[in-house]
N, C-alpha and C. Protein backbone atom coordinates (compact mmCIF):
# COMPACT_ATOMS: atom_id res chain seq x y z
N MET A 1 158.42 124.17 65.85
CA MET A 1 157.84 124.05 64.53
C MET A 1 157.95 122.61 64.04
N SER A 2 156.95 122.19 63.31
CA SER A 2 156.98 120.83 62.78
C SER A 2 157.55 120.83 61.37
N HIS A 3 158.17 119.75 61.02
CA HIS A 3 158.76 119.60 59.70
C HIS A 3 157.82 118.78 58.82
N PHE A 4 158.15 118.71 57.54
CA PHE A 4 157.30 117.99 56.60
C PHE A 4 157.41 116.49 56.81
N GLN A 5 156.25 115.83 56.85
CA GLN A 5 156.18 114.38 56.99
C GLN A 5 155.06 113.86 56.10
N GLN A 6 155.24 112.65 55.60
CA GLN A 6 154.18 111.99 54.84
C GLN A 6 154.36 110.49 54.97
N SER A 7 153.26 109.78 55.07
CA SER A 7 153.29 108.32 55.11
C SER A 7 152.45 107.78 53.96
N LEU A 8 152.93 106.68 53.38
CA LEU A 8 152.23 106.03 52.27
C LEU A 8 152.30 104.53 52.46
N GLU A 9 151.27 103.83 51.99
CA GLU A 9 151.33 102.37 51.88
C GLU A 9 151.54 102.05 50.42
N LEU A 10 152.62 101.34 50.14
CA LEU A 10 153.00 101.03 48.77
C LEU A 10 152.81 99.53 48.51
N GLN A 11 152.30 99.21 47.34
CA GLN A 11 152.15 97.81 46.94
C GLN A 11 153.46 97.36 46.32
N ALA A 12 154.48 97.23 47.18
CA ALA A 12 155.82 96.82 46.75
C ALA A 12 156.58 96.35 47.98
N LEU A 13 157.53 95.47 47.74
CA LEU A 13 158.37 94.97 48.83
C LEU A 13 159.37 96.04 49.27
N PRO A 14 159.80 96.01 50.54
CA PRO A 14 160.81 96.96 51.00
C PRO A 14 162.07 96.96 50.12
N SER A 15 162.47 95.79 49.64
CA SER A 15 163.69 95.71 48.81
C SER A 15 163.54 96.50 47.51
N THR A 16 162.34 96.51 46.94
CA THR A 16 162.09 97.26 45.70
C THR A 16 162.17 98.76 45.96
N ILE A 17 161.57 99.19 47.05
CA ILE A 17 161.59 100.62 47.41
C ILE A 17 163.00 101.05 47.78
N TYR A 18 163.69 100.22 48.54
CA TYR A 18 165.07 100.52 48.94
C TYR A 18 165.95 100.73 47.70
N ALA A 19 165.80 99.88 46.70
CA ALA A 19 166.58 100.03 45.46
C ALA A 19 166.25 101.35 44.76
N ALA A 20 164.99 101.77 44.81
CA ALA A 20 164.60 103.04 44.18
C ALA A 20 165.20 104.24 44.91
N LEU A 21 165.55 104.06 46.19
CA LEU A 21 166.10 105.14 47.01
C LEU A 21 167.63 105.14 47.05
N THR A 22 168.25 104.04 46.64
CA THR A 22 169.69 103.90 46.87
C THR A 22 170.51 103.63 45.61
N THR A 23 169.89 103.73 44.45
CA THR A 23 170.62 103.58 43.19
C THR A 23 170.36 104.81 42.33
N ILE A 24 171.34 105.17 41.53
CA ILE A 24 171.17 106.33 40.64
C ILE A 24 170.02 106.09 39.67
N ASP A 25 169.95 104.89 39.08
CA ASP A 25 168.85 104.61 38.16
C ASP A 25 167.50 104.70 38.86
N GLY A 26 167.41 104.19 40.08
CA GLY A 26 166.16 104.27 40.82
C GLY A 26 165.76 105.70 41.11
N LEU A 27 166.71 106.52 41.56
CA LEU A 27 166.42 107.93 41.86
C LEU A 27 166.02 108.70 40.61
N ARG A 28 166.66 108.39 39.50
CA ARG A 28 166.31 109.05 38.23
C ARG A 28 164.89 108.69 37.79
N ALA A 29 164.42 107.53 38.17
CA ALA A 29 163.12 107.04 37.72
C ALA A 29 161.95 107.70 38.43
N TRP A 30 162.17 108.28 39.63
CA TRP A 30 161.04 108.87 40.34
C TRP A 30 161.25 110.31 40.78
N TRP A 31 162.52 110.77 40.96
CA TRP A 31 162.70 112.14 41.46
C TRP A 31 163.13 113.08 40.35
N THR A 32 164.30 112.91 39.80
CA THR A 32 164.71 113.73 38.67
C THR A 32 165.67 112.93 37.79
N GLU A 33 165.45 113.04 36.49
CA GLU A 33 166.33 112.35 35.56
C GLU A 33 167.76 112.87 35.64
N GLU A 34 167.93 114.09 36.14
CA GLU A 34 169.26 114.71 36.26
C GLU A 34 169.83 114.41 37.64
N THR A 35 170.22 113.16 37.85
CA THR A 35 170.77 112.68 39.12
C THR A 35 172.10 112.02 38.85
N ASP A 36 173.11 112.32 39.69
CA ASP A 36 174.39 111.62 39.59
C ASP A 36 175.06 111.63 40.96
N GLY A 37 176.13 110.87 41.07
CA GLY A 37 176.89 110.85 42.32
C GLY A 37 177.11 109.45 42.85
N ASN A 38 177.44 109.41 44.13
CA ASN A 38 177.79 108.17 44.82
C ASN A 38 176.74 107.90 45.90
N PRO A 39 175.82 106.94 45.69
CA PRO A 39 174.74 106.72 46.64
C PRO A 39 175.08 105.79 47.81
N THR A 40 176.37 105.65 48.14
CA THR A 40 176.77 104.84 49.28
C THR A 40 177.01 105.72 50.50
N VAL A 41 177.05 105.13 51.69
CA VAL A 41 177.24 105.91 52.92
C VAL A 41 178.51 106.76 52.81
N GLY A 42 178.37 108.04 53.09
CA GLY A 42 179.47 109.00 52.98
C GLY A 42 179.56 109.65 51.62
N GLY A 43 178.89 109.08 50.63
CA GLY A 43 178.90 109.63 49.28
C GLY A 43 177.90 110.76 49.14
N THR A 44 178.00 111.49 48.04
CA THR A 44 177.10 112.60 47.75
C THR A 44 176.38 112.33 46.44
N VAL A 45 175.07 112.59 46.47
CA VAL A 45 174.24 112.45 45.28
C VAL A 45 173.71 113.85 44.95
N ARG A 46 173.79 114.22 43.67
CA ARG A 46 173.33 115.52 43.22
C ARG A 46 172.07 115.38 42.39
N PHE A 47 171.14 116.29 42.65
CA PHE A 47 169.84 116.29 41.97
C PHE A 47 169.64 117.66 41.33
N ARG A 48 169.30 117.70 40.03
CA ARG A 48 169.06 118.96 39.34
C ARG A 48 167.63 119.02 38.82
N PHE A 49 167.05 120.22 38.97
CA PHE A 49 165.68 120.49 38.54
C PHE A 49 165.73 121.82 37.78
N GLY A 50 166.17 121.81 36.53
CA GLY A 50 166.34 123.06 35.79
C GLY A 50 167.40 123.90 36.47
N SER A 51 167.05 125.13 36.87
CA SER A 51 168.02 126.04 37.51
C SER A 51 168.20 125.74 39.00
N SER A 52 167.41 124.86 39.54
CA SER A 52 167.54 124.48 40.96
C SER A 52 168.35 123.19 41.07
N HIS A 53 169.06 123.05 42.18
CA HIS A 53 169.78 121.80 42.43
C HIS A 53 169.99 121.60 43.92
N LYS A 54 170.22 120.34 44.28
CA LYS A 54 170.50 119.96 45.67
C LYS A 54 171.57 118.90 45.67
N ALA A 55 172.35 118.86 46.75
CA ALA A 55 173.32 117.79 46.95
C ALA A 55 173.04 117.18 48.31
N MET A 56 172.99 115.85 48.35
CA MET A 56 172.70 115.11 49.58
C MET A 56 173.85 114.18 49.91
N ARG A 57 174.34 114.27 51.15
CA ARG A 57 175.32 113.29 51.62
C ARG A 57 174.55 112.13 52.23
N VAL A 58 174.86 110.94 51.81
CA VAL A 58 174.20 109.74 52.33
C VAL A 58 174.75 109.49 53.73
N GLU A 59 173.88 109.58 54.73
CA GLU A 59 174.27 109.45 56.14
C GLU A 59 174.09 108.04 56.69
N CYS A 60 173.04 107.35 56.24
CA CYS A 60 172.73 106.04 56.81
C CYS A 60 171.96 105.22 55.78
N LEU A 61 172.37 103.98 55.65
CA LEU A 61 171.64 103.01 54.83
C LEU A 61 171.48 101.74 55.65
N GLU A 62 170.25 101.34 55.91
CA GLU A 62 169.95 100.06 56.53
C GLU A 62 169.13 99.28 55.53
N SER A 63 169.72 98.26 54.97
CA SER A 63 169.12 97.53 53.86
C SER A 63 167.65 97.22 54.09
N ASP A 64 166.84 97.65 53.13
CA ASP A 64 165.39 97.41 53.12
C ASP A 64 164.65 98.04 54.30
N ARG A 65 165.31 98.97 55.04
CA ARG A 65 164.67 99.56 56.23
C ARG A 65 164.73 101.08 56.28
N GLU A 66 165.93 101.66 56.06
CA GLU A 66 166.06 103.10 56.23
C GLU A 66 167.09 103.69 55.29
N VAL A 67 166.82 104.95 54.90
CA VAL A 67 167.75 105.76 54.12
C VAL A 67 167.71 107.15 54.72
N HIS A 68 168.90 107.70 55.01
CA HIS A 68 169.00 109.05 55.58
C HIS A 68 169.99 109.87 54.78
N TRP A 69 169.59 111.11 54.45
CA TRP A 69 170.45 112.04 53.73
C TRP A 69 170.57 113.34 54.51
N LEU A 70 171.69 114.03 54.33
CA LEU A 70 171.90 115.39 54.84
C LEU A 70 172.11 116.29 53.64
N CYS A 71 171.34 117.36 53.54
CA CYS A 71 171.50 118.30 52.43
C CYS A 71 172.74 119.17 52.71
N THR A 72 173.70 119.09 51.81
CA THR A 72 174.96 119.84 51.97
C THR A 72 175.07 121.02 51.02
N GLU A 73 174.20 121.06 50.02
CA GLU A 73 174.23 122.15 49.05
C GLU A 73 172.84 122.29 48.45
N ALA A 74 172.42 123.53 48.21
CA ALA A 74 171.12 123.75 47.57
C ALA A 74 171.09 125.10 46.87
N HIS A 75 170.40 125.12 45.79
CA HIS A 75 170.08 126.36 45.06
C HIS A 75 168.64 126.18 44.59
N ILE A 76 167.72 126.86 45.26
CA ILE A 76 166.29 126.67 44.99
C ILE A 76 165.72 127.94 44.37
N ASP A 77 165.28 127.83 43.14
CA ASP A 77 164.57 128.94 42.49
C ASP A 77 163.09 128.69 42.68
N PRO A 78 162.27 129.65 42.88
CA PRO A 78 162.47 131.08 42.75
C PRO A 78 162.59 131.82 44.09
N VAL A 79 162.95 131.17 45.18
CA VAL A 79 162.98 131.82 46.49
C VAL A 79 164.22 132.70 46.65
N ALA A 80 164.14 133.66 47.57
CA ALA A 80 165.25 134.59 47.79
C ALA A 80 166.45 133.90 48.43
N ARG A 81 166.18 133.12 49.49
CA ARG A 81 167.28 132.40 50.16
C ARG A 81 167.40 131.03 49.49
N LYS A 82 168.25 130.96 48.52
CA LYS A 82 168.38 129.80 47.64
C LYS A 82 168.86 128.54 48.37
N ASP A 83 169.52 128.70 49.52
CA ASP A 83 170.12 127.56 50.22
C ASP A 83 169.34 127.11 51.45
N GLU A 84 168.05 127.36 51.48
CA GLU A 84 167.24 127.02 52.66
C GLU A 84 167.36 125.55 53.07
N TRP A 85 167.56 124.66 52.15
CA TRP A 85 167.61 123.24 52.48
C TRP A 85 168.91 122.83 53.17
N VAL A 86 169.98 123.60 53.02
CA VAL A 86 171.27 123.18 53.57
C VAL A 86 171.15 122.94 55.07
N GLY A 87 171.60 121.77 55.51
CA GLY A 87 171.52 121.39 56.91
C GLY A 87 170.26 120.61 57.27
N THR A 88 169.31 120.53 56.34
CA THR A 88 168.10 119.75 56.61
C THR A 88 168.40 118.27 56.37
N ARG A 89 167.59 117.42 56.96
CA ARG A 89 167.80 115.97 56.87
C ARG A 89 166.56 115.29 56.33
N ILE A 90 166.79 114.32 55.46
CA ILE A 90 165.71 113.58 54.83
C ILE A 90 165.83 112.13 55.25
N ALA A 91 164.70 111.55 55.65
CA ALA A 91 164.70 110.15 56.10
C ALA A 91 163.53 109.40 55.48
N PHE A 92 163.84 108.21 55.00
CA PHE A 92 162.85 107.28 54.48
C PHE A 92 162.88 106.06 55.40
N HIS A 93 161.76 105.73 56.03
CA HIS A 93 161.65 104.56 56.92
C HIS A 93 160.70 103.57 56.25
N LEU A 94 161.14 102.33 56.10
CA LEU A 94 160.35 101.30 55.43
C LEU A 94 159.94 100.22 56.43
N THR A 95 158.66 99.89 56.46
CA THR A 95 158.14 98.85 57.33
C THR A 95 157.34 97.86 56.49
N PRO A 96 157.77 96.58 56.49
CA PRO A 96 157.02 95.59 55.71
C PRO A 96 155.62 95.37 56.28
N LEU A 97 154.66 95.18 55.39
CA LEU A 97 153.28 94.87 55.77
C LEU A 97 152.88 93.57 55.09
N ASP A 98 151.73 93.04 55.48
CA ASP A 98 151.23 91.81 54.85
C ASP A 98 150.94 92.04 53.37
N GLY A 99 150.95 90.97 52.61
CA GLY A 99 150.54 91.04 51.21
C GLY A 99 151.54 91.71 50.29
N GLY A 100 152.81 91.74 50.65
CA GLY A 100 153.82 92.35 49.79
C GLY A 100 153.78 93.87 49.77
N ARG A 101 153.13 94.46 50.77
CA ARG A 101 153.04 95.91 50.87
C ARG A 101 154.10 96.44 51.83
N THR A 102 154.37 97.74 51.75
CA THR A 102 155.33 98.40 52.63
C THR A 102 154.79 99.76 53.04
N ARG A 103 154.97 100.08 54.30
CA ARG A 103 154.65 101.43 54.78
C ARG A 103 155.91 102.27 54.66
N LEU A 104 155.80 103.40 53.98
CA LEU A 104 156.88 104.37 53.86
C LEU A 104 156.54 105.55 54.74
N ASP A 105 157.40 105.83 55.71
CA ASP A 105 157.28 107.03 56.53
C ASP A 105 158.43 107.94 56.12
N PHE A 106 158.07 109.09 55.56
CA PHE A 106 159.03 110.05 55.03
C PHE A 106 159.06 111.28 55.94
N GLU A 107 160.26 111.78 56.20
CA GLU A 107 160.42 113.02 56.97
C GLU A 107 161.46 113.90 56.29
N HIS A 108 161.17 115.18 56.21
CA HIS A 108 162.18 116.15 55.81
C HIS A 108 162.36 117.08 57.02
N LYS A 109 163.29 116.67 57.88
CA LYS A 109 163.55 117.40 59.12
C LYS A 109 164.25 118.71 58.82
N GLY A 110 163.66 119.79 59.27
CA GLY A 110 164.22 121.11 59.01
C GLY A 110 163.45 121.87 57.95
N LEU A 111 162.65 121.17 57.14
CA LEU A 111 161.78 121.84 56.19
C LEU A 111 160.54 122.28 56.98
N VAL A 112 160.54 123.54 57.38
CA VAL A 112 159.54 124.06 58.31
C VAL A 112 158.75 125.20 57.68
N PRO A 113 157.55 125.50 58.22
CA PRO A 113 156.71 126.55 57.65
C PRO A 113 157.38 127.92 57.56
N ALA A 114 158.39 128.18 58.35
CA ALA A 114 159.08 129.48 58.29
C ALA A 114 159.90 129.64 57.00
N PHE A 115 160.20 128.55 56.33
CA PHE A 115 160.97 128.62 55.08
C PHE A 115 160.11 129.23 53.97
N GLU A 116 160.71 130.10 53.19
CA GLU A 116 160.02 130.68 52.04
C GLU A 116 159.59 129.59 51.06
N CYS A 117 160.40 128.54 50.92
CA CYS A 117 160.10 127.47 49.96
C CYS A 117 159.15 126.42 50.51
N TYR A 118 158.65 126.58 51.73
CA TYR A 118 157.90 125.50 52.39
C TYR A 118 156.75 124.97 51.52
N ASP A 119 155.85 125.82 51.09
CA ASP A 119 154.69 125.35 50.30
C ASP A 119 155.13 124.72 48.99
N LEU A 120 156.04 125.38 48.29
CA LEU A 120 156.57 124.86 47.04
C LEU A 120 157.20 123.48 47.24
N CYS A 121 158.00 123.35 48.29
CA CYS A 121 158.72 122.09 48.54
C CYS A 121 157.78 121.00 49.03
N CYS A 122 156.82 121.34 49.87
CA CYS A 122 155.85 120.33 50.33
C CYS A 122 155.04 119.79 49.15
N ASN A 123 154.62 120.69 48.27
CA ASN A 123 153.90 120.25 47.08
C ASN A 123 154.80 119.38 46.20
N GLY A 124 156.06 119.77 46.10
CA GLY A 124 157.02 118.97 45.35
C GLY A 124 157.19 117.58 45.94
N TRP A 125 157.36 117.51 47.27
CA TRP A 125 157.51 116.20 47.91
C TRP A 125 156.27 115.35 47.70
N ARG A 126 155.08 115.93 47.81
CA ARG A 126 153.86 115.14 47.59
C ARG A 126 153.85 114.56 46.18
N HIS A 127 154.22 115.38 45.20
CA HIS A 127 154.27 114.89 43.82
C HIS A 127 155.30 113.77 43.68
N PHE A 128 156.52 114.02 44.16
CA PHE A 128 157.59 113.05 43.92
C PHE A 128 157.45 111.78 44.77
N LEU A 129 156.86 111.87 45.96
CA LEU A 129 156.58 110.64 46.70
C LEU A 129 155.49 109.83 45.98
N GLY A 130 154.54 110.53 45.37
CA GLY A 130 153.57 109.85 44.52
C GLY A 130 154.24 109.21 43.31
N SER A 131 155.24 109.90 42.78
CA SER A 131 156.02 109.35 41.67
C SER A 131 156.78 108.10 42.10
N LEU A 132 157.35 108.13 43.31
CA LEU A 132 158.03 106.95 43.85
C LEU A 132 157.04 105.79 43.96
N GLN A 133 155.85 106.07 44.49
CA GLN A 133 154.84 105.03 44.61
C GLN A 133 154.48 104.46 43.23
N GLN A 134 154.27 105.33 42.28
CA GLN A 134 153.93 104.90 40.93
C GLN A 134 155.06 104.05 40.35
N TYR A 135 156.30 104.47 40.57
CA TYR A 135 157.45 103.75 40.03
C TYR A 135 157.57 102.35 40.61
N VAL A 136 157.48 102.21 41.94
CA VAL A 136 157.66 100.89 42.54
C VAL A 136 156.47 99.97 42.30
N GLU A 137 155.31 100.55 42.05
CA GLU A 137 154.12 99.73 41.81
C GLU A 137 153.92 99.37 40.34
N THR A 138 154.37 100.24 39.42
CA THR A 138 154.09 100.01 38.00
C THR A 138 155.35 99.94 37.13
N GLY A 139 156.49 100.36 37.68
CA GLY A 139 157.72 100.39 36.89
C GLY A 139 157.94 101.70 36.16
N ARG A 140 157.03 102.65 36.34
CA ARG A 140 157.16 103.95 35.66
C ARG A 140 156.74 105.07 36.61
N GLY A 141 157.70 105.94 36.93
CA GLY A 141 157.42 107.09 37.79
C GLY A 141 157.15 108.34 36.96
N ALA A 142 157.07 109.48 37.66
CA ALA A 142 156.87 110.77 37.01
C ALA A 142 157.94 111.74 37.51
N PRO A 143 159.21 111.47 37.15
CA PRO A 143 160.29 112.33 37.63
C PRO A 143 160.32 113.66 36.91
N TYR A 144 161.09 114.60 37.50
CA TYR A 144 161.35 115.86 36.82
C TYR A 144 162.16 115.53 35.57
N GLU A 145 161.75 116.08 34.44
CA GLU A 145 162.45 115.84 33.18
C GLU A 145 163.01 117.16 32.66
N GLN A 146 164.30 117.18 32.40
CA GLN A 146 164.95 118.36 31.86
C GLN A 146 164.84 118.33 30.35
N CYS A 147 164.32 119.35 29.75
CA CYS A 147 164.23 119.42 28.30
C CYS A 147 165.57 119.94 27.77
N VAL A 148 166.27 119.09 27.01
CA VAL A 148 167.59 119.48 26.54
C VAL A 148 167.70 119.52 25.01
N THR A 149 166.63 119.25 24.31
CA THR A 149 166.72 119.26 22.85
C THR A 149 165.99 120.46 22.29
N ALA A 150 166.37 120.86 21.10
CA ALA A 150 165.71 122.00 20.45
C ALA A 150 164.23 121.72 20.21
N ALA A 151 163.88 120.46 20.00
CA ALA A 151 162.47 120.10 19.76
C ALA A 151 161.60 120.43 20.96
N CYS A 152 162.17 120.40 22.17
CA CYS A 152 161.38 120.71 23.37
C CYS A 152 160.97 122.18 23.42
N ALA A 153 161.73 123.02 22.77
CA ALA A 153 161.46 124.46 22.83
C ALA A 153 160.21 124.84 22.04
N ASN A 154 159.77 123.99 21.17
CA ASN A 154 158.61 124.30 20.32
C ASN A 154 157.30 123.96 20.99
């Protein structure tokens, strides 16, 4: 079975994209505002999306080139097997191109069509990788936003 993959050409330097993938502020700007943890090798970063959450152990960081995570915890709503992501691996590969552009090759190894969350998660990755592109190109992404004020309920 094949896992989820996507490639994008971004109008940004590898260093800009790398910072968006390896800092809490960067991750909050494109994936989810509810992000915390230790984004260094061996550290764990936690991501919350309402009632869903994931924890990623940072496995590898190669400055301006690669970022690898291992999912160590997951609770995914609305699927029955909430922990489908546990044991899957996420990799971001950055290749510099001419004109200040970068090729991003993304892989979510283990996210396969047999997973109940496959379609939901693939659509999510497409959105959030687009958010990453928007963030590094314009300074403003489209991350998941948790509504925490009473005004949001109206």
